[in-house]
Amino acid sequence: MQLDDILHINNCKADRSSLSTTPNTKTDLVNMNGPKHKFCTKLSSTYLRKWWITIVVAAALIIGGIVVACEFTVLIDAVVDRMVALRPGAKTFGWWAKPPVEPRISLYIYNVTNADDFLSNGSKAIVDEVGPYVYSETWEKVNIVENDNGTLSYNLRKIYSFREDLSVGPEDDVVIVPNIPMLSATSQSKHAARFLRLAMASIMDILKIKPFVQVSVGQLLWGYEDPLLKLAKDVVPKEQKLPYEEFGLLYGKNGTSSDRVTVNTGVDDIRRYGIIDNFNGRTHLPHWTTDACNTLAGTDGSIFPPHIDHDRILHVYDKDLCRLLPLVFEKEVMTSNEVPGYRFTPPEWVFADVDSHPDNMCFCPAGKPSCSPNGLFNVSLCQYDSPIMLSFPHFYLADESLRTQVEGISPPVKEKHQFFFDVQPKMGTTLRVRARIQINLAVSQVFDIKQEGIDNLPDEVTDLMRFAEQVPPKIRVALIVGLCTLGVILLLLSTFCLIRNSHRQSTLHLEGSNYLATAQVDMNKKQNKDNQPARY
């Protein structure tokens, strides 16, 4: 081994003069074999520096795996928030504006079979449930305007098409039902002066208006000419006139609604995504006694703020419900397209009486006497003082006594009569709806309307939901396992090689030092021999 090669191995600012001939050989050998000199030698090796870099890379991979484990969900949530926010031109905006679904409304009508006995003898009303009469719907939000405060305003267009192939009969089927205009007029005149009530009774007698009417299913839904409404058109002051000339449960709803709805886009705050900002300029309803009961801070039911958990309470507003309807988590479900969802349903106390749930007192504007029985909700304030009360079909979750007051109504069955929304929790999109509501009059039960909302979403929508639900968790696990495994392997390999090569460097350093020491001793001996005087 050459002397210059040994000096190159020990390249840590070594003073080349330390290898020169000097009488202090022991000191030089100590310096060459000292801990500092060995450490510098190891660090200065180009080969070993590569393994140090490998260790750094391995550590970075492990740290990356830990970061993915902790923050990957946050990243995916941010991507979902970006995707679902209502931005004009985005795919989700198009789905919101014109839903790619065909909702259906199925109506069941209770035909009164003993109207004469009920009126003359006070017999218990006997009803016969007929139906369903099915209509398919197309929804589209029109006149959309983007506002500066992160909201969108629109009008809703609904087009109904009768589906006789899915119905029990044609729209011409005749039924006998309570005369809602007459009962409404009677209800409105109950606080009037006695002579006005007598005049009203005389008018009804002259016009031969009776508490029950015989109409076709189509007339009941879409409108028929009523003598009282015709009279009111000519007599009642303009400011008190009803906004329609005929009576029908869905009168004026087959087309573009005049109601102007403003909702939050979620672009600025995803927690407000789809939440109603105002309805016809109002941020609260005017009917109830507290702001909490008058609030409109819910959605139309098609979308909800994303990242839903079991503890979230969803809220839906529909004008006909006359209030915000709360929905609570019931169970996890799976659609036919293998998209997981959460089922939300109204809590049992939603239509409870004030004795069972005191918070419902705010829905009694005239005090406790005006409160509804357990299981009913009085919407007369929203229906021109008509004595209309809502319940779930067949008085589901209501007192049994309400159902037994009328003959012909079978006991409620949860699977057939429950109101629920199935929602995709990550994106907040509604998967399936059964918005089942029964409309009741004070004199007798009339009809049972079951909103057959969404059964199945298009494949394009469900594919996106399935991807958002299933793929990110798999990617997260794969990244965590891959990064951590690769990092650990590199760390172990680099550590092993580092220790092995450090040992080799130490051996090489020791051999070089021994060689130098031997060379130095031989050189000293030679010099001493040369310095001795010659003997003759």
Protein backbone atom coordinates (compact mmCIF):
# COMPACT_ATOMS: atom_id res chain seq x y z
CA MET A 1 0.00 0.00 0.00
CA GLN A 2 1.33 3.40 -0.96
CA LEU A 3 1.62 6.18 1.58
CA ASP A 4 -0.46 8.63 -0.51
CA ASP A 5 -3.33 6.08 -0.69
CA ILE A 6 -3.45 5.82 3.09
CA LEU A 7 -3.52 9.59 3.35
CA HIS A 8 -6.50 9.69 0.91
CA ILE A 9 -8.48 7.25 3.08
CA ASN A 10 -7.87 9.42 6.14
CA ASN A 11 -9.05 12.63 4.43
CA CYS A 12 -10.27 14.69 7.39
CA LYS A 13 -7.97 17.68 7.16
CA ALA A 14 -5.06 15.41 7.99
CA ASP A 15 -1.78 17.23 8.19
CA ARG A 16 0.50 15.53 5.73
CA SER A 17 3.49 16.62 7.79
CA SER A 18 2.34 14.31 10.60
CA LEU A 19 3.66 11.45 8.44
CA SER A 20 7.11 12.96 8.25
CA THR A 21 9.96 11.71 10.26
CA THR A 22 9.69 12.86 13.81
CA PRO A 23 11.08 11.58 17.04
CA ASN A 24 7.55 11.60 18.69
CA THR A 25 6.34 8.48 16.92
CA LYS A 26 4.04 7.39 19.77
CA THR A 27 2.09 10.65 19.70
CA ASP A 28 1.55 10.38 15.93
CA LEU A 29 0.20 6.86 16.26
CA VAL A 30 -2.28 7.95 18.96
CA ASN A 31 -3.58 10.76 16.75
CA MET A 32 -4.07 8.40 13.81
CA ASN A 33 -6.03 5.90 15.90
CA GLY A 34 -8.09 8.44 17.94
CA PRO A 35 -11.95 8.43 18.01
CA LYS A 36 -12.19 11.76 16.24
CA HIS A 37 -9.97 10.60 13.43
CA LYS A 38 -11.96 7.36 12.98
CA PHE A 39 -15.31 9.27 12.92
CA CYS A 40 -14.02 11.71 10.34
CA THR A 41 -12.77 8.86 8.24
CA LYS A 42 -16.20 7.19 8.23
CA LEU A 43 -18.04 10.36 7.33
CA SER A 44 -15.61 11.29 4.62
CA SER A 45 -16.13 8.06 2.71
CA THR A 46 -18.12 8.67 -0.47
CA TYR A 47 -19.50 5.15 -0.30
CA LEU A 48 -20.77 5.57 3.23
CA ARG A 49 -22.34 8.95 2.42
CA LYS A 50 -24.62 7.15 -0.04
CA TRP A 51 -25.96 4.98 2.76
CA TRP A 52 -26.57 7.98 4.96
CA ILE A 53 -28.66 9.43 2.14
CA THR A 54 -30.56 6.13 1.93
CA ILE A 55 -31.33 6.33 5.64
CA VAL A 56 -32.67 9.86 5.19
CA VAL A 57 -34.89 8.71 2.29
CA ALA A 58 -36.15 5.75 4.35
CA ALA A 59 -36.99 8.02 7.25
CA ALA A 60 -38.80 10.39 4.87
CA LEU A 61 -40.88 7.50 3.52
CA ILE A 62 -41.86 6.39 7.01
CA ILE A 63 -42.78 9.95 7.95
CA GLY A 64 -44.77 10.18 4.71
CA GLY A 65 -46.69 7.04 5.67
CA ILE A 66 -47.50 8.55 9.06
CA VAL A 67 -48.64 11.80 7.43
CA VAL A 68 -50.87 9.86 5.02
CA ALA A 69 -52.37 7.96 7.95
CA CYS A 70 -53.19 11.20 9.73
CA GLU A 71 -54.00 13.66 6.94
CA PHE A 72 -55.15 11.66 3.90
CA THR A 73 -58.80 11.81 4.96
CA VAL A 74 -58.53 15.59 5.25
CA LEU A 75 -57.18 15.75 1.72
CA ILE A 76 -59.98 13.55 0.35
CA ASP A 77 -62.58 15.64 2.19
CA ALA A 78 -61.15 18.76 0.57
CA VAL A 79 -61.44 17.12 -2.85
CA VAL A 80 -65.06 16.12 -2.15
CA ASP A 81 -65.87 19.64 -0.98
CA ARG A 82 -64.46 21.02 -4.19
CA MET A 83 -66.43 18.54 -6.30
CA VAL A 84 -69.88 18.95 -4.72
CA ALA A 85 -69.96 22.74 -4.28
CA LEU A 86 -72.47 24.33 -6.66
CA ARG A 87 -70.29 25.98 -9.29
CA PRO A 88 -71.97 26.85 -12.62
CA GLY A 89 -70.57 24.60 -15.32
CA ALA A 90 -69.55 21.79 -12.97
CA LYS A 91 -71.07 18.33 -13.37
CA THR A 92 -72.59 18.35 -9.89
CA PHE A 93 -74.19 21.71 -10.66
CA GLY A 94 -75.88 20.16 -13.70
CA TRP A 95 -77.16 17.26 -11.61
CA TRP A 96 -78.53 19.71 -9.05
CA ALA A 97 -80.18 21.97 -11.64
CA LYS A 98 -81.77 19.09 -13.54
CA PRO A 99 -81.67 15.90 -11.46
CA PRO A 100 -81.09 12.80 -13.63
CA VAL A 101 -83.84 10.90 -11.83
CA GLU A 102 -87.55 10.28 -12.27
CA PRO A 103 -89.33 10.73 -8.94
CA ARG A 104 -92.82 9.32 -8.61
CA ILE A 105 -95.74 10.35 -6.49
CA SER A 106 -98.25 7.65 -5.56
CA LEU A 107 -101.57 8.75 -4.14
CA TYR A 108 -103.96 6.63 -2.11
CA ILE A 109 -107.42 8.12 -1.61
CA TYR A 110 -109.84 7.09 1.11
CA ASN A 111 -113.24 6.88 -0.50
CA VAL A 112 -116.05 7.53 2.01
CA THR A 113 -118.63 4.78 1.50
CA ASN A 114 -121.28 5.89 4.04
CA ALA A 115 -121.40 9.65 3.65
CA ASP A 116 -125.19 9.88 4.12
CA ASP A 117 -125.22 7.79 7.31
CA PHE A 118 -122.28 9.75 8.66
CA LEU A 119 -124.13 13.04 8.16
CA SER A 120 -127.65 12.03 9.15
CA ASN A 121 -127.11 9.42 11.86
CA GLY A 122 -123.70 10.32 13.22
CA SER A 123 -122.34 6.91 12.31
CA LYS A 124 -118.63 6.27 12.26
CA ALA A 125 -117.20 7.06 8.84
CA ILE A 126 -116.33 4.01 6.76
CA VAL A 127 -113.61 4.44 4.18
CA ASP A 128 -112.14 2.31 1.46
CA GLU A 129 -108.52 2.90 0.44
CA VAL A 130 -108.15 3.09 -3.34
CA GLY A 131 -104.90 3.50 -5.15
CA PRO A 132 -102.19 3.95 -6.01
CA TYR A 133 -102.58 6.60 -8.68
CA VAL A 134 -99.04 7.12 -9.88
CA TYR A 135 -97.47 10.17 -11.51
CA SER A 136 -93.90 10.47 -12.70
CA GLU A 137 -92.18 13.79 -12.20
CA THR A 138 -89.43 15.75 -13.90
CA TRP A 139 -87.71 18.43 -11.88
CA GLU A 140 -85.71 21.35 -13.16
CA LYS A 141 -84.46 24.51 -11.51
CA VAL A 142 -84.98 27.44 -13.88
CA ASN A 143 -84.21 31.17 -13.87
CA ILE A 144 -81.01 30.41 -11.95
CA VAL A 145 -79.10 33.51 -10.84
CA GLU A 146 -75.71 33.46 -9.14
CA ASN A 147 -75.56 36.02 -6.32
CA ASP A 148 -72.54 37.81 -4.92
CA ASN A 149 -72.90 36.37 -1.41
CA GLY A 150 -72.25 32.74 -2.37
CA THR A 151 -75.88 31.84 -3.07
CA LEU A 152 -78.03 30.82 -6.04
CA SER A 153 -81.65 31.82 -6.65
CA TYR A 154 -84.05 29.79 -8.76
CA ASN A 155 -87.63 28.74 -9.47
CA LEU A 156 -88.57 25.07 -9.44
CA ARG A 157 -90.37 23.53 -12.39
CA LYS A 158 -92.21 20.26 -11.80
CA ILE A 159 -94.00 18.39 -14.57
CA TYR A 160 -96.32 15.55 -13.62
CA SER A 161 -97.24 12.76 -16.03
CA PHE A 162 -99.91 10.19 -15.20
CA ARG A 163 -98.71 6.59 -15.31
CA GLU A 164 -101.82 4.51 -15.86
CA ASP A 165 -99.63 1.42 -16.33
CA LEU A 166 -98.54 1.72 -12.70
CA SER A 167 -101.89 2.89 -11.34
CA VAL A 168 -104.89 0.98 -10.08
CA GLY A 169 -107.15 2.73 -12.58
CA PRO A 170 -107.58 5.83 -14.77
CA GLU A 171 -107.84 9.40 -13.54
CA ASP A 172 -111.57 9.23 -14.31
CA ASP A 173 -112.22 6.97 -11.33
CA VAL A 174 -114.85 8.59 -9.09
CA VAL A 175 -114.45 8.95 -5.34
CA ILE A 176 -116.44 10.55 -2.51
CA VAL A 177 -114.31 12.78 -0.29
CA PRO A 178 -114.89 15.59 2.22
CA ASN A 179 -115.63 18.99 0.68
CA ILE A 180 -112.46 20.82 1.64
CA PRO A 181 -113.53 24.31 0.38
CA MET A 182 -116.74 24.10 2.40
CA LEU A 183 -114.96 22.91 5.53
CA SER A 184 -112.38 25.66 5.10
CA ALA A 185 -115.09 28.31 4.81
CA THR A 186 -116.81 26.93 7.90
CA SER A 187 -113.54 26.97 9.80
CA GLN A 188 -112.80 30.56 8.78
CA SER A 189 -116.26 31.74 9.89
CA LYS A 190 -116.21 30.09 13.31
CA HIS A 191 -115.04 33.31 14.96
CA ALA A 192 -117.30 35.57 12.92
CA ALA A 193 -120.48 37.23 14.19
CA ARG A 194 -123.57 35.09 14.49
CA PHE A 195 -125.42 36.75 11.61
CA LEU A 196 -122.45 36.08 9.29
CA ARG A 197 -122.47 32.40 10.23
CA LEU A 198 -126.20 32.25 9.55
CA ALA A 199 -125.69 33.95 6.21
CA MET A 200 -122.98 31.46 5.33
CA ALA A 201 -125.28 28.56 6.20
CA SER A 202 -128.04 30.03 4.06
CA ILE A 203 -125.73 30.45 1.08
CA MET A 204 -124.55 26.84 1.37
CA ASP A 205 -128.13 25.66 1.55
CA ILE A 206 -129.13 27.68 -1.52
CA LEU A 207 -126.11 26.45 -3.51
CA LYS A 208 -126.76 22.89 -2.27
CA ILE A 209 -123.23 22.58 -0.99
CA LYS A 210 -122.70 19.45 1.09
CA PRO A 211 -119.86 18.29 3.32
CA PHE A 212 -118.95 15.54 0.86
CA VAL A 213 -118.41 15.78 -2.88
CA GLN A 214 -118.22 13.23 -5.64
CA VAL A 215 -115.33 13.97 -7.99
CA SER A 216 -112.90 12.12 -10.21
CA VAL A 217 -109.37 11.44 -9.09
CA GLY A 218 -108.08 13.86 -11.72
CA GLN A 219 -110.41 16.63 -10.49
CA LEU A 220 -109.45 16.06 -6.87
CA LEU A 221 -105.77 16.44 -7.74
CA TRP A 222 -105.70 19.04 -10.51
CA GLY A 223 -108.76 21.10 -9.79
CA TYR A 224 -112.51 21.41 -10.18
CA GLU A 225 -114.82 24.40 -10.08
CA ASP A 226 -116.32 24.90 -6.64
CA PRO A 227 -119.37 27.14 -6.05
CA LEU A 228 -117.92 28.69 -2.91
CA LEU A 229 -114.67 29.62 -4.62
CA LYS A 230 -116.62 31.08 -7.52
CA LEU A 231 -118.73 33.13 -5.11
CA ALA A 232 -115.68 34.24 -3.16
CA LYS A 233 -114.10 35.48 -6.38
CA ASP A 234 -116.95 37.97 -6.83
CA VAL A 235 -117.63 38.89 -3.21
CA VAL A 236 -114.45 38.69 -1.14
CA PRO A 237 -112.20 41.80 -1.12
CA LYS A 238 -109.20 41.57 -3.41
CA GLU A 239 -106.65 41.41 -0.60
CA GLN A 240 -108.45 38.40 0.95
CA LYS A 241 -109.01 36.40 -2.20
CA LEU A 242 -107.52 32.95 -2.52
CA PRO A 243 -104.70 32.64 -5.10
CA TYR A 244 -106.63 30.10 -7.16
CA GLU A 245 -109.99 29.85 -8.87
CA GLU A 246 -110.46 26.10 -8.62
CA PHE A 247 -109.75 23.63 -5.88
CA GLY A 248 -107.33 20.73 -6.28
CA LEU A 249 -104.72 19.17 -4.06
CA LEU A 250 -102.04 19.78 -6.70
CA TYR A 251 -103.71 22.72 -8.39
CA GLY A 252 -101.17 25.08 -9.96
CA LYS A 253 -98.22 22.80 -9.20
CA ASN A 254 -97.87 21.23 -12.64
CA GLY A 255 -95.43 23.76 -14.07
CA THR A 256 -93.03 26.44 -12.88
CA SER A 257 -93.57 27.56 -9.31
CA SER A 258 -93.73 31.26 -8.54
CA ASP A 259 -91.79 30.65 -5.31
CA ARG A 260 -88.28 32.09 -5.46
CA VAL A 261 -85.77 29.97 -3.53
CA THR A 262 -82.24 31.06 -2.62
CA VAL A 263 -79.73 28.45 -1.42
CA ASN A 264 -76.07 28.45 -0.39
CA THR A 265 -73.59 27.05 -2.91
CA GLY A 266 -71.10 25.73 -0.35
CA VAL A 267 -68.19 27.34 -2.22
CA ASP A 268 -67.34 29.66 0.68
CA ASP A 269 -68.53 27.36 3.48
CA ILE A 270 -69.26 23.72 2.71
CA ARG A 271 -71.21 23.46 5.96
CA ARG A 272 -73.88 25.68 4.35
CA TYR A 273 -74.03 23.60 1.15
CA GLY A 274 -77.62 23.43 -0.10
CA ILE A 275 -79.02 25.22 2.95
CA ILE A 276 -81.88 27.61 2.15
CA ASP A 277 -80.85 31.22 2.60
CA ASN A 278 -84.32 32.64 2.02
CA PHE A 279 -87.66 31.60 0.57
CA ASN A 280 -89.50 34.35 -1.32
CA GLY A 281 -87.26 36.83 0.45
CA ARG A 282 -88.02 35.47 3.92
CA THR A 283 -85.38 33.92 6.15
CA HIS A 284 -88.01 32.73 8.63
CA LEU A 285 -91.62 31.59 8.52
CA PRO A 286 -94.22 33.96 10.02
CA HIS A 287 -96.48 31.32 11.60
CA TRP A 288 -94.94 30.03 14.81
CA THR A 289 -93.96 31.53 18.15
CA THR A 290 -90.16 31.18 18.16
CA ASP A 291 -87.34 31.74 15.70
CA ALA A 292 -86.21 28.14 16.19
CA CYS A 293 -89.54 26.83 14.90
CA ASN A 294 -89.77 29.45 12.14
CA THR A 295 -86.28 28.90 10.75
CA LEU A 296 -85.80 27.83 7.14
CA ALA A 297 -82.21 26.62 7.61
CA GLY A 298 -82.67 23.29 5.84
CA THR A 299 -82.35 21.88 2.33
CA ASP A 300 -84.92 20.85 -0.24
CA GLY A 301 -84.05 17.21 0.47
CA SER A 302 -82.04 16.52 -2.69
CA ILE A 303 -78.66 17.44 -1.17
CA PHE A 304 -77.20 17.95 2.30
CA PRO A 305 -73.86 19.29 3.57
CA PRO A 306 -71.30 16.46 3.09
CA HIS A 307 -69.31 14.44 5.65
CA ILE A 308 -72.41 13.28 7.53
CA ASP A 309 -72.01 11.24 10.70
CA HIS A 310 -74.50 9.39 12.88
CA ASP A 311 -74.94 12.32 15.25
CA ARG A 312 -75.93 14.83 12.57
CA ILE A 313 -79.53 16.03 12.45
CA LEU A 314 -80.60 16.80 8.90
CA HIS A 315 -83.35 19.30 8.12
CA VAL A 316 -85.72 19.40 5.15
CA TYR A 317 -88.03 22.26 4.22
CA ASP A 318 -91.07 21.89 2.02
CA LYS A 319 -93.68 24.60 1.69
CA ASP A 320 -96.54 22.13 2.13
CA LEU A 321 -95.09 20.87 5.41
CA CYS A 322 -95.28 24.40 6.82
CA ARG A 323 -92.16 23.84 8.90
CA LEU A 324 -88.60 22.53 8.94
CA LEU A 325 -88.65 18.75 9.31
CA PRO A 326 -85.79 17.22 11.36
CA LEU A 327 -84.32 13.86 10.40
CA VAL A 328 -82.21 11.67 12.69
CA PHE A 329 -79.96 8.70 11.91
CA GLU A 330 -81.62 5.30 12.06
CA LYS A 331 -79.28 2.79 10.41
CA GLU A 332 -76.74 2.13 7.69
CA VAL A 333 -78.07 0.86 4.37
CA MET A 334 -76.76 -0.35 1.01
CA THR A 335 -78.39 0.52 -2.30
CA SER A 336 -78.87 -1.89 -5.19
CA ASN A 337 -75.83 -0.27 -6.83
CA GLU A 338 -73.67 -1.10 -3.79
CA VAL A 339 -73.42 2.48 -2.63
CA PRO A 340 -73.45 2.67 1.19
CA GLY A 341 -75.75 5.18 2.79
CA TYR A 342 -77.27 6.34 6.05
CA ARG A 343 -81.01 6.20 6.64
CA PHE A 344 -82.48 9.28 8.29
CA THR A 345 -86.06 9.43 9.49
CA PRO A 346 -88.16 11.93 11.48
CA PRO A 347 -87.81 11.38 15.23
CA GLU A 348 -90.81 9.98 17.06
CA TRP A 349 -91.40 13.32 18.78
CA VAL A 350 -91.70 15.35 15.58
CA PHE A 351 -95.54 15.31 15.67
CA ALA A 352 -95.83 14.58 19.39
CA ASP A 353 -98.16 16.51 21.67
CA VAL A 354 -96.74 19.08 24.08
CA ASP A 355 -97.19 16.77 27.05
CA SER A 356 -94.86 14.24 25.47
CA HIS A 357 -92.50 16.81 23.95
CA PRO A 358 -92.78 20.34 25.44
CA ASP A 359 -90.53 21.85 22.74
CA ASN A 360 -93.41 21.46 20.28
CA MET A 361 -95.28 24.19 22.16
CA CYS A 362 -93.89 26.69 19.67
CA PHE A 363 -96.19 25.15 17.03
CA CYS A 364 -99.26 26.17 19.06
CA PRO A 365 -99.68 29.87 18.19
CA ALA A 366 -102.92 30.23 20.18
CA GLY A 367 -101.67 28.41 23.26
CA LYS A 368 -102.12 24.84 24.40
CA PRO A 369 -105.78 24.52 23.27
CA SER A 370 -104.62 25.00 19.67
CA CYS A 371 -102.08 22.18 19.90
CA SER A 372 -102.61 19.08 17.82
CA PRO A 373 -103.26 15.61 19.25
CA ASN A 374 -100.31 13.26 19.48
CA GLY A 375 -99.27 12.22 15.97
CA LEU A 376 -100.86 15.14 14.07
CA PHE A 377 -99.48 18.49 12.91
CA ASN A 378 -101.80 21.43 12.30
CA VAL A 379 -100.93 23.25 9.05
CA SER A 380 -104.09 25.40 8.86
CA LEU A 381 -102.04 28.59 9.15
CA CYS A 382 -100.29 27.69 5.89
CA GLN A 383 -103.49 26.53 4.16
CA TYR A 384 -105.76 29.59 4.45
CA ASP A 385 -107.15 28.39 7.78
CA SER A 386 -108.40 25.12 6.32
CA PRO A 387 -108.76 22.46 9.07
CA ILE A 388 -105.94 20.38 7.62
CA MET A 389 -103.62 18.29 9.74
CA LEU A 390 -100.67 16.20 8.62
CA SER A 391 -99.63 12.82 9.92
CA PHE A 392 -97.70 9.82 8.70
CA PRO A 393 -99.73 7.27 6.70
CA HIS A 394 -102.24 5.16 8.64
CA PHE A 395 -101.41 7.33 11.68
CA TYR A 396 -97.97 5.78 12.02
CA LEU A 397 -96.38 6.98 15.30
CA ALA A 398 -99.74 8.53 16.31
CA ASP A 399 -102.22 7.57 18.99
CA GLU A 400 -104.19 4.44 18.15
CA SER A 401 -107.44 6.27 18.94
CA LEU A 402 -107.06 8.46 15.84
CA ARG A 403 -107.09 5.45 13.54
CA THR A 404 -110.01 3.73 15.23
CA GLN A 405 -112.25 6.80 14.87
CA VAL A 406 -112.66 5.75 11.22
CA GLU A 407 -113.39 2.28 9.97
CA GLY A 408 -111.40 0.86 7.10
CA ILE A 409 -107.88 2.01 7.99
CA SER A 410 -105.50 -0.88 8.59
CA PRO A 411 -102.83 -0.70 11.33
CA PRO A 412 -99.63 1.05 10.28
CA VAL A 413 -96.64 -0.98 9.12
CA LYS A 414 -93.20 0.56 9.42
CA GLU A 415 -91.92 -0.83 6.11
CA LYS A 416 -94.92 0.60 4.23
CA HIS A 417 -95.60 3.82 6.10
CA GLN A 418 -92.28 5.14 7.42
CA PHE A 419 -90.92 8.46 6.16
CA PHE A 420 -87.18 8.28 5.40
CA PHE A 421 -84.24 9.60 3.40
CA ASP A 422 -81.25 7.46 2.44
CA VAL A 423 -78.21 9.73 2.11
CA GLN A 424 -74.67 9.12 0.86
CA PRO A 425 -72.67 10.39 3.87
CA LYS A 426 -69.47 11.53 2.18
CA MET A 427 -71.08 13.61 -0.56
CA GLY A 428 -74.40 14.44 1.10
CA THR A 429 -76.43 13.30 -1.92
CA THR A 430 -79.84 11.71 -1.46
CA LEU A 431 -79.90 8.10 -2.66
CA ARG A 432 -83.50 7.11 -2.00
CA VAL A 433 -86.59 8.78 -0.55
CA ARG A 434 -89.93 7.73 0.85
CA ALA A 435 -91.57 11.02 1.83
CA ARG A 436 -94.85 9.56 3.07
CA ILE A 437 -97.40 12.03 4.36
CA GLN A 438 -101.10 11.72 5.11
CA ILE A 439 -103.46 14.69 4.83
CA ASN A 440 -106.31 14.74 7.34
CA LEU A 441 -109.36 16.94 7.86
CA ALA A 442 -110.97 17.71 11.17
CA VAL A 443 -114.14 15.78 10.25
CA SER A 444 -112.57 12.64 8.84
CA GLN A 445 -109.48 11.24 7.31
CA VAL A 446 -109.25 11.94 3.58
CA PHE A 447 -106.26 10.73 1.68
CA ASP A 448 -102.88 9.25 2.09
CA ILE A 449 -100.16 10.76 -0.10
CA LYS A 450 -96.96 8.78 -0.45
CA GLN A 451 -94.19 10.62 -2.17
CA GLU A 452 -92.24 7.94 -4.00
CA GLY A 453 -89.10 10.01 -4.25
CA ILE A 454 -85.91 8.49 -5.62
CA ASP A 455 -85.56 4.76 -6.08
CA ASN A 456 -82.35 4.46 -8.09
CA LEU A 457 -79.89 7.07 -9.25
CA PRO A 458 -78.27 6.87 -12.71
CA ASP A 459 -75.11 4.79 -13.03
CA GLU A 460 -73.00 7.90 -13.66
CA VAL A 461 -74.03 9.32 -10.28
CA THR A 462 -73.76 6.07 -8.34
CA ASP A 463 -70.35 5.29 -9.89
CA LEU A 464 -69.02 8.60 -8.58
CA MET A 465 -70.50 7.96 -5.14
CA ARG A 466 -69.12 4.42 -5.05
CA PHE A 467 -65.69 5.75 -6.06
CA ALA A 468 -65.80 8.43 -3.34
CA GLU A 469 -66.86 5.86 -0.76
CA GLN A 470 -64.67 2.87 -1.62
CA VAL A 471 -61.54 3.98 -3.48
CA PRO A 472 -60.01 6.67 -1.19
CA PRO A 473 -59.83 4.35 1.88
CA LYS A 474 -58.11 1.69 -0.23
CA ILE A 475 -55.64 4.24 -1.62
CA ARG A 476 -54.98 5.48 1.90
CA VAL A 477 -54.23 1.98 3.21
CA ALA A 478 -52.08 1.17 0.18
CA LEU A 479 -50.05 4.38 0.59
CA ILE A 480 -49.58 3.82 4.32
CA VAL A 481 -48.48 0.20 3.90
CA GLY A 482 -46.34 0.92 0.82
CA LEU A 483 -44.53 3.96 2.20
CA CYS A 484 -43.92 2.48 5.64
CA THR A 485 -42.82 -0.92 4.30
CA LEU A 486 -40.44 0.61 1.77
CA GLY A 487 -39.10 3.00 4.40
CA VAL A 488 -38.47 0.22 6.93
CA ILE A 489 -36.78 -2.01 4.34
CA LEU A 490 -34.51 0.82 3.19
CA LEU A 491 -33.75 1.79 6.78
CA LEU A 492 -32.79 -1.75 7.80
CA LEU A 493 -30.78 -2.33 4.64
CA SER A 494 -28.93 0.97 4.85
CA THR A 495 -28.23 0.50 8.57
CA PHE A 496 -26.88 -3.00 7.96
CA CYS A 497 -24.65 -1.83 5.11
CA LEU A 498 -23.53 1.21 7.08
CA ILE A 499 -22.42 -0.92 10.04
CA ARG A 500 -20.76 -3.47 7.78
CA ASN A 501 -18.84 -0.92 5.77
CA SER A 502 -17.97 1.07 8.87
CA HIS A 503 -16.30 -2.05 10.20
CA ARG A 504 -14.39 -2.45 6.94
CA GLN A 505 -13.28 1.18 7.07
CA SER A 506 -12.12 0.74 10.65
CA THR A 507 -10.12 -2.37 9.68
CA LEU A 508 -8.62 -0.57 6.72
CA HIS A 509 -7.73 2.40 8.88
CA LEU A 510 -6.08 0.15 11.49
CA GLU A 511 -4.04 -1.73 8.87
CA GLY A 512 -2.90 1.56 7.35
CA SER A 513 -1.94 2.89 10.76
CA ASN A 514 0.06 -0.27 11.57
CA TYR A 515 1.81 -0.04 8.25
CA LEU A 516 2.77 3.57 8.93
CA ALA A 517 3.97 2.72 12.40
CA THR A 518 6.15 -0.11 11.09
CA ALA A 519 7.48 2.08 8.34
CA GLN A 520 8.26 4.84 10.83
CA VAL A 521 10.10 2.44 13.18
CA ASP A 522 12.18 1.04 10.32
CA MET A 523 13.00 4.53 9.18
CA ASN A 524 14.07 5.58 12.67
CA LYS A 525 16.25 2.48 13.01
CA LYS A 526 17.88 3.26 9.71
CA GLN A 527 18.52 6.86 10.69
CA ASN A 528 19.97 5.78 14.02
CA LYS A 529 22.22 3.33 12.27
CA ASP A 530 23.36 5.98 9.83
CA ASN A 531 24.07 8.39 12.67
CA GLN A 532 26.29 5.94 14.55
CA PRO A 533 30.03 6.68 14.06
CA ALA A 534 31.81 4.31 11.84
CA ARG A 535 34.10 1.77 13.57
CA TYR A 536 37.35 0.90 12.03
